[in-house]
Amino acid sequence: MLEILPLILLALPVLFQLILGTKTIYKPASLKFSSASWISFVSFILFSFIAYYIVDYNFSKQYEQYPNPIRCGMPLLGIVMASLFLLFILILIIVSQFLIKRRKESRSKNTY
């Protein structure tokens, strides 16, 4: 379970933004778009640190089980790069949803 948990933690804020951001654009919701974006951004940063520590814990347990003087840090770099990539994706989603929301609001003002 701890092997897949970091990837799930990194994907949750992106999915949250996709679902709730789209919902706040097209339907009235109790949560505003800006607060949904901030929640997903802050939770992504928090979950990135948690995912890094989970991966570090997994590899320390593996190294205890199979002692070897040579330790590779590439999986840790991999989780950092995956975090940066998904952060870029999250920012793209937020910006595109913001532009869609702004265009939708300007169209509704022009029609009245």
PDB file of N, CA and C in Angstrom:
ATOM      1  N   MET A   1       0.815  -1.193   0.000  1.00  0.00           N
ATOM      2  CA  MET A   1       0.000   0.000   0.000  1.00  0.00           C
ATOM      3  C   MET A   1       0.860   1.258   0.000  1.00  0.00           C
ATOM      4  N   LEU A   2       1.966   1.229   0.706  1.00  0.00           N
ATOM      5  CA  LEU A   2       2.813   2.415   0.757  1.00  0.00           C
ATOM      6  C   LEU A   2       3.549   2.662  -0.557  1.00  0.00           C
ATOM      7  N   GLU A   3       3.557   1.681  -1.462  1.00  0.00           N
ATOM      8  CA  GLU A   3       4.248   1.874  -2.724  1.00  0.00           C
ATOM      9  C   GLU A   3       3.462   2.792  -3.660  1.00  0.00           C
ATOM     10  N   ILE A   4       2.157   2.676  -3.666  1.00  0.00           N
ATOM     11  CA  ILE A   4       1.319   3.449  -4.575  1.00  0.00           C
ATOM     12  C   ILE A   4       0.783   4.727  -3.924  1.00  0.00           C
ATOM     13  N   LEU A   5       0.852   4.822  -2.615  1.00  0.00           N
ATOM     14  CA  LEU A   5       0.301   5.963  -1.888  1.00  0.00           C
ATOM     15  C   LEU A   5       0.895   7.311  -2.310  1.00  0.00           C
ATOM     16  N   PRO A   6       2.203   7.449  -2.549  1.00  0.00           N
ATOM     17  CA  PRO A   6       2.707   8.759  -2.987  1.00  0.00           C
ATOM     18  C   PRO A   6       2.096   9.233  -4.300  1.00  0.00           C
ATOM     19  N   LEU A   7       1.879   8.322  -5.234  1.00  0.00           N
ATOM     20  CA  LEU A   7       1.272   8.726  -6.501  1.00  0.00           C
ATOM     21  C   LEU A   7      -0.187   9.121  -6.324  1.00  0.00           C
ATOM     22  N   ILE A   8      -0.882   8.429  -5.439  1.00  0.00           N
ATOM     23  CA  ILE A   8      -2.271   8.793  -5.153  1.00  0.00           C
ATOM     24  C   ILE A   8      -2.323  10.163  -4.485  1.00  0.00           C
ATOM     25  N   LEU A   9      -1.415  10.409  -3.557  1.00  0.00           N
ATOM     26  CA  LEU A   9      -1.383  11.707  -2.874  1.00  0.00           C
ATOM     27  C   LEU A   9      -1.103  12.845  -3.848  1.00  0.00           C
ATOM     28  N   LEU A  10      -0.253  12.597  -4.835  1.00  0.00           N
ATOM     29  CA  LEU A  10       0.050  13.647  -5.804  1.00  0.00           C
ATOM     30  C   LEU A  10      -1.102  13.881  -6.779  1.00  0.00           C
ATOM     31  N   ALA A  11      -1.885  12.850  -7.046  1.00  0.00           N
ATOM     32  CA  ALA A  11      -2.980  12.987  -8.007  1.00  0.00           C
ATOM     33  C   ALA A  11      -4.242  13.579  -7.386  1.00  0.00           C
ATOM     34  N   LEU A  12      -4.409  13.467  -6.083  1.00  0.00           N
ATOM     35  CA  LEU A  12      -5.643  13.936  -5.441  1.00  0.00           C
ATOM     36  C   LEU A  12      -5.922  15.431  -5.639  1.00  0.00           C
ATOM     37  N   PRO A  13      -4.969  16.342  -5.410  1.00  0.00           N
ATOM     38  CA  PRO A  13      -5.285  17.761  -5.617  1.00  0.00           C
ATOM     39  C   PRO A  13      -5.600  18.108  -7.072  1.00  0.00           C
ATOM     40  N   VAL A  14      -4.958  17.408  -8.010  1.00  0.00           N
ATOM     41  CA  VAL A  14      -5.237  17.661  -9.421  1.00  0.00           C
ATOM     42  C   VAL A  14      -6.666  17.230  -9.752  1.00  0.00           C
ATOM     43  N   LEU A  15      -7.058  16.065  -9.272  1.00  0.00           N
ATOM     44  CA  LEU A  15      -8.430  15.602  -9.497  1.00  0.00           C
ATOM     45  C   LEU A  15      -9.444  16.493  -8.784  1.00  0.00           C
ATOM     46  N   PHE A  16      -9.103  16.943  -7.579  1.00  0.00           N
ATOM     47  CA  PHE A  16      -9.971  17.856  -6.834  1.00  0.00           C
ATOM     48  C   PHE A  16     -10.198  19.134  -7.632  1.00  0.00           C
ATOM     49  N   GLN A  17      -9.135  19.679  -8.194  1.00  0.00           N
ATOM     50  CA  GLN A  17      -9.265  20.909  -8.965  1.00  0.00           C
ATOM     51  C   GLN A  17     -10.063  20.673 -10.238  1.00  0.00           C
ATOM     52  N   LEU A  18      -9.832  19.565 -10.900  1.00  0.00           N
ATOM     53  CA  LEU A  18     -10.594  19.276 -12.116  1.00  0.00           C
ATOM     54  C   LEU A  18     -12.087  19.165 -11.826  1.00  0.00           C
ATOM     55  N   ILE A  19     -12.431  18.440 -10.800  1.00  0.00           N
ATOM     56  CA  ILE A  19     -13.845  18.198 -10.506  1.00  0.00           C
ATOM     57  C   ILE A  19     -14.505  19.434  -9.907  1.00  0.00           C
ATOM     58  N   LEU A  20     -13.941  19.949  -8.830  1.00  0.00           N
ATOM     59  CA  LEU A  20     -14.589  21.061  -8.136  1.00  0.00           C
ATOM     60  C   LEU A  20     -14.436  22.376  -8.902  1.00  0.00           C
ATOM     61  N   GLY A  21     -13.300  22.564  -9.582  1.00  0.00           N
ATOM     62  CA  GLY A  21     -13.131  23.778 -10.376  1.00  0.00           C
ATOM     63  C   GLY A  21     -14.135  23.859 -11.504  1.00  0.00           C
ATOM     64  N   THR A  22     -14.356  22.747 -12.181  1.00  0.00           N
ATOM     65  CA  THR A  22     -15.354  22.715 -13.248  1.00  0.00           C
ATOM     66  C   THR A  22     -16.755  22.912 -12.688  1.00  0.00           C
ATOM     67  N   LYS A  23     -17.007  22.336 -11.543  1.00  0.00           N
ATOM     68  CA  LYS A  23     -18.331  22.489 -10.916  1.00  0.00           C
ATOM     69  C   LYS A  23     -18.589  23.944 -10.536  1.00  0.00           C
ATOM     70  N   THR A  24     -17.582  24.640  -9.994  1.00  0.00           N
ATOM     71  CA  THR A  24     -17.784  26.034  -9.595  1.00  0.00           C
ATOM     72  C   THR A  24     -17.904  26.963 -10.796  1.00  0.00           C
ATOM     73  N   ILE A  25     -17.379  26.563 -11.942  1.00  0.00           N
ATOM     74  CA  ILE A  25     -17.510  27.401 -13.131  1.00  0.00           C
ATOM     75  C   ILE A  25     -18.923  27.319 -13.698  1.00  0.00           C
ATOM     76  N   TYR A  26     -19.437  26.126 -13.840  1.00  0.00           N
ATOM     77  CA  TYR A  26     -20.695  25.933 -14.553  1.00  0.00           C
ATOM     78  C   TYR A  26     -21.930  25.889 -13.668  1.00  0.00           C
ATOM     79  N   LYS A  27     -21.772  25.582 -12.410  1.00  0.00           N
ATOM     80  CA  LYS A  27     -22.923  25.507 -11.514  1.00  0.00           C
ATOM     81  C   LYS A  27     -22.621  26.299 -10.252  1.00  0.00           C
ATOM     82  N   PRO A  28     -23.624  26.909  -9.660  1.00  0.00           N
ATOM     83  CA  PRO A  28     -23.368  27.596  -8.389  1.00  0.00           C
ATOM     84  C   PRO A  28     -23.024  26.583  -7.298  1.00  0.00           C
ATOM     85  N   ALA A  29     -21.960  26.873  -6.578  1.00  0.00           N
ATOM     86  CA  ALA A  29     -21.518  25.974  -5.516  1.00  0.00           C
ATOM     87  C   ALA A  29     -21.244  26.786  -4.263  1.00  0.00           C
ATOM     88  N   SER A  30     -21.174  26.099  -3.157  1.00  0.00           N
ATOM     89  CA  SER A  30     -20.915  26.786  -1.892  1.00  0.00           C
ATOM     90  C   SER A  30     -19.468  27.253  -1.798  1.00  0.00           C
ATOM     91  N   LEU A  31     -18.594  26.639  -2.559  1.00  0.00           N
ATOM     92  CA  LEU A  31     -17.175  26.985  -2.547  1.00  0.00           C
ATOM     93  C   LEU A  31     -16.856  27.791  -3.803  1.00  0.00           C
ATOM     94  N   LYS A  32     -16.189  28.924  -3.642  1.00  0.00           N
ATOM     95  CA  LYS A  32     -15.849  29.754  -4.790  1.00  0.00           C
ATOM     96  C   LYS A  32     -14.644  29.174  -5.519  1.00  0.00           C
ATOM     97  N   PHE A  33     -14.469  29.625  -6.753  1.00  0.00           N
ATOM     98  CA  PHE A  33     -13.383  29.107  -7.583  1.00  0.00           C
ATOM     99  C   PHE A  33     -12.017  29.434  -6.991  1.00  0.00           C
ATOM    100  N   SER A  34     -11.858  30.640  -6.478  1.00  0.00           N
ATOM    101  CA  SER A  34     -10.552  31.027  -5.932  1.00  0.00           C
ATOM    102  C   SER A  34     -10.198  30.213  -4.697  1.00  0.00           C
ATOM    103  N   SER A  35     -11.165  29.975  -3.844  1.00  0.00           N
ATOM    104  CA  SER A  35     -10.869  29.170  -2.654  1.00  0.00           C
ATOM    105  C   SER A  35     -10.618  27.711  -3.018  1.00  0.00           C
ATOM    106  N   ALA A  36     -11.316  27.189  -4.016  1.00  0.00           N
ATOM    107  CA  ALA A  36     -11.052  25.815  -4.465  1.00  0.00           C
ATOM    108  C   ALA A  36      -9.650  25.704  -5.053  1.00  0.00           C
ATOM    109  N   SER A  37      -9.227  26.733  -5.779  1.00  0.00           N
ATOM    110  CA  SER A  37      -7.881  26.725  -6.359  1.00  0.00           C
ATOM    111  C   SER A  37      -6.817  26.787  -5.274  1.00  0.00           C
ATOM    112  N   TRP A  38      -7.038  27.634  -4.274  1.00  0.00           N
ATOM    113  CA  TRP A  38      -6.063  27.723  -3.184  1.00  0.00           C
ATOM    114  C   TRP A  38      -5.997  26.432  -2.380  1.00  0.00           C
ATOM    115  N   ILE A  39      -7.135  25.825  -2.150  1.00  0.00           N
ATOM    116  CA  ILE A  39      -7.151  24.554  -1.413  1.00  0.00           C
ATOM    117  C   ILE A  39      -6.369  23.496  -2.172  1.00  0.00           C
ATOM    118  N   SER A  40      -6.593  23.401  -3.474  1.00  0.00           N
ATOM    119  CA  SER A  40      -5.883  22.380  -4.249  1.00  0.00           C
ATOM    120  C   SER A  40      -4.393  22.687  -4.329  1.00  0.00           C
ATOM    121  N   PHE A  41      -4.011  23.960  -4.442  1.00  0.00           N
ATOM    122  CA  PHE A  41      -2.592  24.314  -4.529  1.00  0.00           C
ATOM    123  C   PHE A  41      -1.864  24.026  -3.213  1.00  0.00           C
ATOM    124  N   VAL A  42      -2.444  24.456  -2.104  1.00  0.00           N
ATOM    125  CA  VAL A  42      -1.807  24.239  -0.796  1.00  0.00           C
ATOM    126  C   VAL A  42      -1.774  22.758  -0.445  1.00  0.00           C
ATOM    127  N   SER A  43      -2.860  22.054  -0.743  1.00  0.00           N
ATOM    128  CA  SER A  43      -2.853  20.615  -0.461  1.00  0.00           C
ATOM    129  C   SER A  43      -1.855  19.883  -1.344  1.00  0.00           C
ATOM    130  N   PHE A  44      -1.633  20.364  -2.565  1.00  0.00           N
ATOM    131  CA  PHE A  44      -0.622  19.734  -3.419  1.00  0.00           C
ATOM    132  C   PHE A  44       0.772  19.898  -2.819  1.00  0.00           C
ATOM    133  N   ILE A  45       1.082  21.088  -2.330  1.00  0.00           N
ATOM    134  CA  ILE A  45       2.395  21.313  -1.711  1.00  0.00           C
ATOM    135  C   ILE A  45       2.551  20.424  -0.478  1.00  0.00           C
ATOM    136  N   LEU A  46       1.533  20.363   0.348  1.00  0.00           N
ATOM    137  CA  LEU A  46       1.575  19.531   1.545  1.00  0.00           C
ATOM    138  C   LEU A  46       1.703  18.053   1.186  1.00  0.00           C
ATOM    139  N   PHE A  47       0.900  17.591   0.239  1.00  0.00           N
ATOM    140  CA  PHE A  47       0.949  16.185  -0.162  1.00  0.00           C
ATOM    141  C   PHE A  47       2.265  15.833  -0.849  1.00  0.00           C
ATOM    142  N   SER A  48       2.910  16.803  -1.494  1.00  0.00           N
ATOM    143  CA  SER A  48       4.212  16.538  -2.114  1.00  0.00           C
ATOM    144  C   SER A  48       5.257  16.214  -1.056  1.00  0.00           C
ATOM    145  N   PHE A  49       5.262  16.987   0.023  1.00  0.00           N
ATOM    146  CA  PHE A  49       6.206  16.699   1.103  1.00  0.00           C
ATOM    147  C   PHE A  49       5.904  15.358   1.762  1.00  0.00           C
ATOM    148  N   ILE A  50       4.627  15.081   1.967  1.00  0.00           N
ATOM    149  CA  ILE A  50       4.248  13.799   2.570  1.00  0.00           C
ATOM    150  C   ILE A  50       4.644  12.642   1.658  1.00  0.00           C
ATOM    151  N   ALA A  51       4.432  12.788   0.355  1.00  0.00           N
ATOM    152  CA  ALA A  51       4.797  11.727  -0.596  1.00  0.00           C
ATOM    153  C   ALA A  51       6.304  11.499  -0.605  1.00  0.00           C
ATOM    154  N   TYR A  52       7.079  12.581  -0.521  1.00  0.00           N
ATOM    155  CA  TYR A  52       8.533  12.440  -0.485  1.00  0.00           C
ATOM    156  C   TYR A  52       8.965  11.654   0.753  1.00  0.00           C
ATOM    157  N   TYR A  53       8.388  11.976   1.893  1.00  0.00           N
ATOM    158  CA  TYR A  53       8.769  11.270   3.119  1.00  0.00           C
ATOM    159  C   TYR A  53       8.305   9.814   3.117  1.00  0.00           C
ATOM    160  N   ILE A  54       7.184   9.533   2.473  1.00  0.00           N
ATOM    161  CA  ILE A  54       6.740   8.139   2.360  1.00  0.00           C
ATOM    162  C   ILE A  54       7.696   7.347   1.478  1.00  0.00           C
ATOM    163  N   VAL A  55       8.113   7.928   0.361  1.00  0.00           N
ATOM    164  CA  VAL A  55       9.077   7.242  -0.516  1.00  0.00           C
ATOM    165  C   VAL A  55      10.400   7.047   0.206  1.00  0.00           C
ATOM    166  N   ASP A  56      10.839   8.048   0.936  1.00  0.00           N
ATOM    167  CA  ASP A  56      12.079   7.921   1.703  1.00  0.00           C
ATOM    168  C   ASP A  56      11.962   6.820   2.755  1.00  0.00           C
ATOM    169  N   TYR A  57      10.824   6.741   3.405  1.00  0.00           N
ATOM    170  CA  TYR A  57      10.588   5.690   4.398  1.00  0.00           C
ATOM    171  C   TYR A  57      10.594   4.311   3.744  1.00  0.00           C
ATOM    172  N   ASN A  58       9.941   4.190   2.590  1.00  0.00           N
ATOM    173  CA  ASN A  58       9.914   2.905   1.879  1.00  0.00           C
ATOM    174  C   ASN A  58      11.319   2.438   1.525  1.00  0.00           C
ATOM    175  N   PHE A  59      12.147   3.339   1.041  1.00  0.00           N
ATOM    176  CA  PHE A  59      13.491   2.933   0.645  1.00  0.00           C
ATOM    177  C   PHE A  59      14.400   2.689   1.838  1.00  0.00           C
ATOM    178  N   SER A  60      14.183   3.384   2.930  1.00  0.00           N
ATOM    179  CA  SER A  60      14.980   3.078   4.120  1.00  0.00           C
ATOM    180  C   SER A  60      14.625   1.699   4.659  1.00  0.00           C
ATOM    181  N   LYS A  61      13.343   1.328   4.594  1.00  0.00           N
ATOM    182  CA  LYS A  61      12.946  -0.026   5.001  1.00  0.00           C
ATOM    183  C   LYS A  61      13.529  -1.075   4.059  1.00  0.00           C
ATOM    184  N   GLN A  62      13.576  -0.773   2.779  1.00  0.00           N
ATOM    185  CA  GLN A  62      14.150  -1.715   1.824  1.00  0.00           C
ATOM    186  C   GLN A  62      15.651  -1.871   2.055  1.00  0.00           C
ATOM    187  N   TYR A  63      16.325  -0.784   2.364  1.00  0.00           N
ATOM    188  CA  TYR A  63      17.768  -0.865   2.606  1.00  0.00           C
ATOM    189  C   TYR A  63      18.078  -1.586   3.912  1.00  0.00           C
ATOM    190  N   GLU A  64      17.178  -1.510   4.884  1.00  0.00           N
ATOM    191  CA  GLU A  64      17.377  -2.281   6.112  1.00  0.00           C
ATOM    192  C   GLU A  64      17.235  -3.772   5.839  1.00  0.00           C
ATOM    193  N   GLN A  65      16.333  -4.114   4.935  1.00  0.00           N
ATOM    194  CA  GLN A  65      16.093  -5.516   4.622  1.00  0.00           C
ATOM    195  C   GLN A  65      17.229  -6.095   3.779  1.00  0.00           C
ATOM    196  N   TYR A  66      17.731  -5.315   2.826  1.00  0.00           N
ATOM    197  CA  TYR A  66      18.825  -5.751   1.959  1.00  0.00           C
ATOM    198  C   TYR A  66      19.974  -4.759   2.093  1.00  0.00           C
ATOM    199  N   PRO A  67      20.841  -4.966   3.076  1.00  0.00           N
ATOM    200  CA  PRO A  67      21.923  -3.986   3.282  1.00  0.00           C
ATOM    201  C   PRO A  67      22.915  -4.004   2.120  1.00  0.00           C
ATOM    202  N   ASN A  68      23.219  -2.820   1.666  1.00  0.00           N
ATOM    203  CA  ASN A  68      24.150  -2.640   0.564  1.00  0.00           C
ATOM    204  C   ASN A  68      24.784  -1.264   0.754  1.00  0.00           C
ATOM    205  N   PRO A  69      26.090  -1.152   0.617  1.00  0.00           N
ATOM    206  CA  PRO A  69      26.706   0.155   0.842  1.00  0.00           C
ATOM    207  C   PRO A  69      26.360   1.179  -0.241  1.00  0.00           C
ATOM    208  N   ILE A  70      25.959   0.713  -1.418  1.00  0.00           N
ATOM    209  CA  ILE A  70      25.615   1.630  -2.497  1.00  0.00           C
ATOM    210  C   ILE A  70      24.110   1.861  -2.465  1.00  0.00           C
ATOM    211  N   ARG A  71      23.721   3.113  -2.295  1.00  0.00           N
ATOM    212  CA  ARG A  71      22.300   3.461  -2.251  1.00  0.00           C
ATOM    213  C   ARG A  71      22.002   4.449  -3.370  1.00  0.00           C
ATOM    214  N   CYS A  72      20.958   4.166  -4.073  1.00  0.00           N
ATOM    215  CA  CYS A  72      20.576   4.999  -5.205  1.00  0.00           C
ATOM    216  C   CYS A  72      19.504   5.995  -4.764  1.00  0.00           C
ATOM    217  N   GLY A  73      19.668   7.232  -5.151  1.00  0.00           N
ATOM    218  CA  GLY A  73      18.697   8.255  -4.799  1.00  0.00           C
ATOM    219  C   GLY A  73      17.776   8.628  -5.942  1.00  0.00           C
ATOM    220  N   MET A  74      17.822   7.882  -7.037  1.00  0.00           N
ATOM    221  CA  MET A  74      16.993   8.216  -8.194  1.00  0.00           C
ATOM    222  C   MET A  74      15.490   8.125  -7.924  1.00  0.00           C
ATOM    223  N   PRO A  75      14.995   7.175  -7.131  1.00  0.00           N
ATOM    224  CA  PRO A  75      13.556   7.192  -6.855  1.00  0.00           C
ATOM    225  C   PRO A  75      13.108   8.464  -6.128  1.00  0.00           C
ATOM    226  N   LEU A  76      13.959   8.992  -5.278  1.00  0.00           N
ATOM    227  CA  LEU A  76      13.614  10.244  -4.599  1.00  0.00           C
ATOM    228  C   LEU A  76      13.588  11.400  -5.595  1.00  0.00           C
ATOM    229  N   LEU A  77      14.539  11.387  -6.519  1.00  0.00           N
ATOM    230  CA  LEU A  77      14.532  12.395  -7.571  1.00  0.00           C
ATOM    231  C   LEU A  77      13.311  12.219  -8.468  1.00  0.00           C
ATOM    232  N   GLY A  78      12.924  10.973  -8.688  1.00  0.00           N
ATOM    233  CA  GLY A  78      11.737  10.698  -9.495  1.00  0.00           C
ATOM    234  C   GLY A  78      10.473  11.257  -8.878  1.00  0.00           C
ATOM    235  N   ILE A  79      10.320  11.123  -7.569  1.00  0.00           N
ATOM    236  CA  ILE A  79       9.109  11.650  -6.927  1.00  0.00           C
ATOM    237  C   ILE A  79       9.136  13.179  -6.915  1.00  0.00           C
ATOM    238  N   VAL A  80      10.317  13.771  -6.815  1.00  0.00           N
ATOM    239  CA  VAL A  80      10.422  15.230  -6.880  1.00  0.00           C
ATOM    240  C   VAL A  80      10.055  15.720  -8.279  1.00  0.00           C
ATOM    241  N   MET A  81      10.560  15.045  -9.310  1.00  0.00           N
ATOM    242  CA  MET A  81      10.249  15.449 -10.678  1.00  0.00           C
ATOM    243  C   MET A  81       8.769  15.209 -11.010  1.00  0.00           C
ATOM    244  N   ALA A  82       8.202  14.124 -10.497  1.00  0.00           N
ATOM    245  CA  ALA A  82       6.769  13.885 -10.692  1.00  0.00           C
ATOM    246  C   ALA A  82       5.954  14.978 -10.002  1.00  0.00           C
ATOM    247  N   SER A  83       6.412  15.414  -8.843  1.00  0.00           N
ATOM    248  CA  SER A  83       5.724  16.501  -8.137  1.00  0.00           C
ATOM    249  C   SER A  83       5.782  17.794  -8.943  1.00  0.00           C
ATOM    250  N   LEU A  84       6.946  18.096  -9.493  1.00  0.00           N
ATOM    251  CA  LEU A  84       7.074  19.316 -10.293  1.00  0.00           C
ATOM    252  C   LEU A  84       6.225  19.242 -11.559  1.00  0.00           C
ATOM    253  N   PHE A  85       6.205  18.078 -12.194  1.00  0.00           N
ATOM    254  CA  PHE A  85       5.387  17.910 -13.399  1.00  0.00           C
ATOM    255  C   PHE A  85       3.905  18.070 -13.076  1.00  0.00           C
ATOM    256  N   LEU A  86       3.448  17.435 -12.014  1.00  0.00           N
ATOM    257  CA  LEU A  86       2.033  17.544 -11.651  1.00  0.00           C
ATOM    258  C   LEU A  86       1.684  18.942 -11.138  1.00  0.00           C
ATOM    259  N   LEU A  87       2.655  19.646 -10.548  1.00  0.00           N
ATOM    260  CA  LEU A  87       2.419  21.038 -10.164  1.00  0.00           C
ATOM    261  C   LEU A  87       2.210  21.897 -11.408  1.00  0.00           C
ATOM    262  N   PHE A  88       3.010  21.651 -12.437  1.00  0.00           N
ATOM    263  CA  PHE A  88       2.839  22.355 -13.707  1.00  0.00           C
ATOM    264  C   PHE A  88       1.465  22.061 -14.301  1.00  0.00           C
ATOM    265  N   ILE A  89       1.049  20.803 -14.264  1.00  0.00           N
ATOM    266  CA  ILE A  89      -0.271  20.417 -14.768  1.00  0.00           C
ATOM    267  C   ILE A  89      -1.374  21.103 -13.955  1.00  0.00           C
ATOM    268  N   LEU A  90      -1.217  21.142 -12.631  1.00  0.00           N
ATOM    269  CA  LEU A  90      -2.210  21.786 -11.770  1.00  0.00           C
ATOM    270  C   LEU A  90      -2.325  23.274 -12.086  1.00  0.00           C
ATOM    271  N   ILE A  91      -1.197  23.941 -12.284  1.00  0.00           N
ATOM    272  CA  ILE A  91      -1.225  25.368 -12.615  1.00  0.00           C
ATOM    273  C   ILE A  91      -1.885  25.586 -13.971  1.00  0.00           C
ATOM    274  N   LEU A  92      -1.604  24.717 -14.938  1.00  0.00           N
ATOM    275  CA  LEU A  92      -2.264  24.821 -16.245  1.00  0.00           C
ATOM    276  C   LEU A  92      -3.775  24.647 -16.124  1.00  0.00           C
ATOM    277  N   ILE A  93      -4.200  23.713 -15.303  1.00  0.00           N
ATOM    278  CA  ILE A  93      -5.633  23.484 -15.108  1.00  0.00           C
ATOM    279  C   ILE A  93      -6.279  24.705 -14.461  1.00  0.00           C
ATOM    280  N   ILE A  94      -5.634  25.258 -13.443  1.00  0.00           N
ATOM    281  CA  ILE A  94      -6.192  26.426 -12.753  1.00  0.00           C
ATOM    282  C   ILE A  94      -6.287  27.618 -13.702  1.00  0.00           C
ATOM    283  N   VAL A  95      -5.235  27.859 -14.486  1.00  0.00           N
ATOM    284  CA  VAL A  95      -5.244  28.995 -15.410  1.00  0.00           C
ATOM    285  C   VAL A  95      -6.302  28.805 -16.492  1.00  0.00           C
ATOM    286  N   SER A  96      -6.388  27.612 -17.048  1.00  0.00           N
ATOM    287  CA  SER A  96      -7.393  27.386 -18.097  1.00  0.00           C
ATOM    288  C   SER A  96      -8.806  27.501 -17.535  1.00  0.00           C
ATOM    289  N   GLN A  97      -9.044  26.995 -16.342  1.00  0.00           N
ATOM    290  CA  GLN A  97     -10.370  27.135 -15.743  1.00  0.00           C
ATOM    291  C   GLN A  97     -10.680  28.592 -15.421  1.00  0.00           C
ATOM    292  N   PHE A  98      -9.672  29.348 -14.999  1.00  0.00           N
ATOM    293  CA  PHE A  98      -9.880  30.770 -14.727  1.00  0.00           C
ATOM    294  C   PHE A  98     -10.239  31.518 -16.006  1.00  0.00           C
ATOM    295  N   LEU A  99      -9.540  31.215 -17.102  1.00  0.00           N
ATOM    296  CA  LEU A  99      -9.842  31.884 -18.367  1.00  0.00           C
ATOM    297  C   LEU A  99     -11.227  31.508 -18.883  1.00  0.00           C
ATOM    298  N   ILE A 100     -11.613  30.262 -18.713  1.00  0.00           N
ATOM    299  CA  ILE A 100     -12.963  29.839 -19.108  1.00  0.00           C
ATOM    300  C   ILE A 100     -14.007  30.561 -18.268  1.00  0.00           C
ATOM    301  N   LYS A 101     -13.754  30.679 -16.981  1.00  0.00           N
ATOM    302  CA  LYS A 101     -14.699  31.360 -16.082  1.00  0.00           C
ATOM    303  C   LYS A 101     -14.818  32.838 -16.447  1.00  0.00           C
ATOM    304  N   ARG A 102     -13.690  33.484 -16.720  1.00  0.00           N
ATOM    305  CA  ARG A 102     -13.708  34.898 -17.067  1.00  0.00           C
ATOM    306  C   ARG A 102     -14.422  35.129 -18.399  1.00  0.00           C
ATOM    307  N   ARG A 103     -14.182  34.255 -19.378  1.00  0.00           N
ATOM    308  CA  ARG A 103     -14.848  34.395 -20.668  1.00  0.00           C
ATOM    309  C   ARG A 103     -16.354  34.152 -20.535  1.00  0.00           C
ATOM    310  N   LYS A 104     -16.715  33.207 -19.705  1.00  0.00           N
ATOM    311  CA  LYS A 104     -18.144  32.916 -19.486  1.00  0.00           C
ATOM    312  C   LYS A 104     -18.828  34.103 -18.810  1.00  0.00           C
ATOM    313  N   GLU A 105     -18.154  34.730 -17.843  1.00  0.00           N
ATOM    314  CA  GLU A 105     -18.730  35.894 -17.163  1.00  0.00           C
ATOM    315  C   GLU A 105     -18.840  37.091 -18.097  1.00  0.00           C
ATOM    316  N   SER A 106     -17.843  37.293 -18.955  1.00  0.00           N
ATOM    317  CA  SER A 106     -17.912  38.429 -19.878  1.00  0.00           C
ATOM    318  C   SER A 106     -18.998  38.219 -20.928  1.00  0.00           C
ATOM    319  N   ARG A 107     -19.213  36.985 -21.351  1.00  0.00           N
ATOM    320  CA  ARG A 107     -20.302  36.707 -22.292  1.00  0.00           C
ATOM    321  C   ARG A 107     -21.663  36.937 -21.644  1.00  0.00           C
ATOM    322  N   SER A 108     -21.790  36.567 -20.376  1.00  0.00           N
ATOM    323  CA  SER A 108     -23.080  36.760 -19.706  1.00  0.00           C
ATOM    324  C   SER A 108     -23.354  38.243 -19.471  1.00  0.00           C
ATOM    325  N   LYS A 109     -22.324  39.058 -19.271  1.00  0.00           N
ATOM    326  CA  LYS A 109     -22.521  40.500 -19.101  1.00  0.00           C
ATOM    327  C   LYS A 109     -22.877  41.156 -20.430  1.00  0.00           C
ATOM    328  N   ASN A 110     -22.305  40.679 -21.527  1.00  0.00           N
ATOM    329  CA  ASN A 110     -22.576  41.268 -22.838  1.00  0.00           C
ATOM    330  C   ASN A 110     -23.962  40.919 -23.358  1.00  0.00           C
ATOM    331  N   THR A 111     -24.514  39.813 -22.949  1.00  0.00           N
ATOM    332  CA  THR A 111     -25.840  39.427 -23.443  1.00  0.00           C
ATOM    333  C   THR A 111     -26.951  40.201 -22.764  1.00  0.00           C
ATOM    334  N   TYR A 112     -26.724  40.769 -21.608  1.00  0.00           N
ATOM    335  CA  TYR A 112     -27.778  41.503 -20.902  1.00  0.00           C
ATOM    336  C   TYR A 112     -27.701  42.971 -21.134  1.00  0.00           C
TER     337      TYR A 112
END
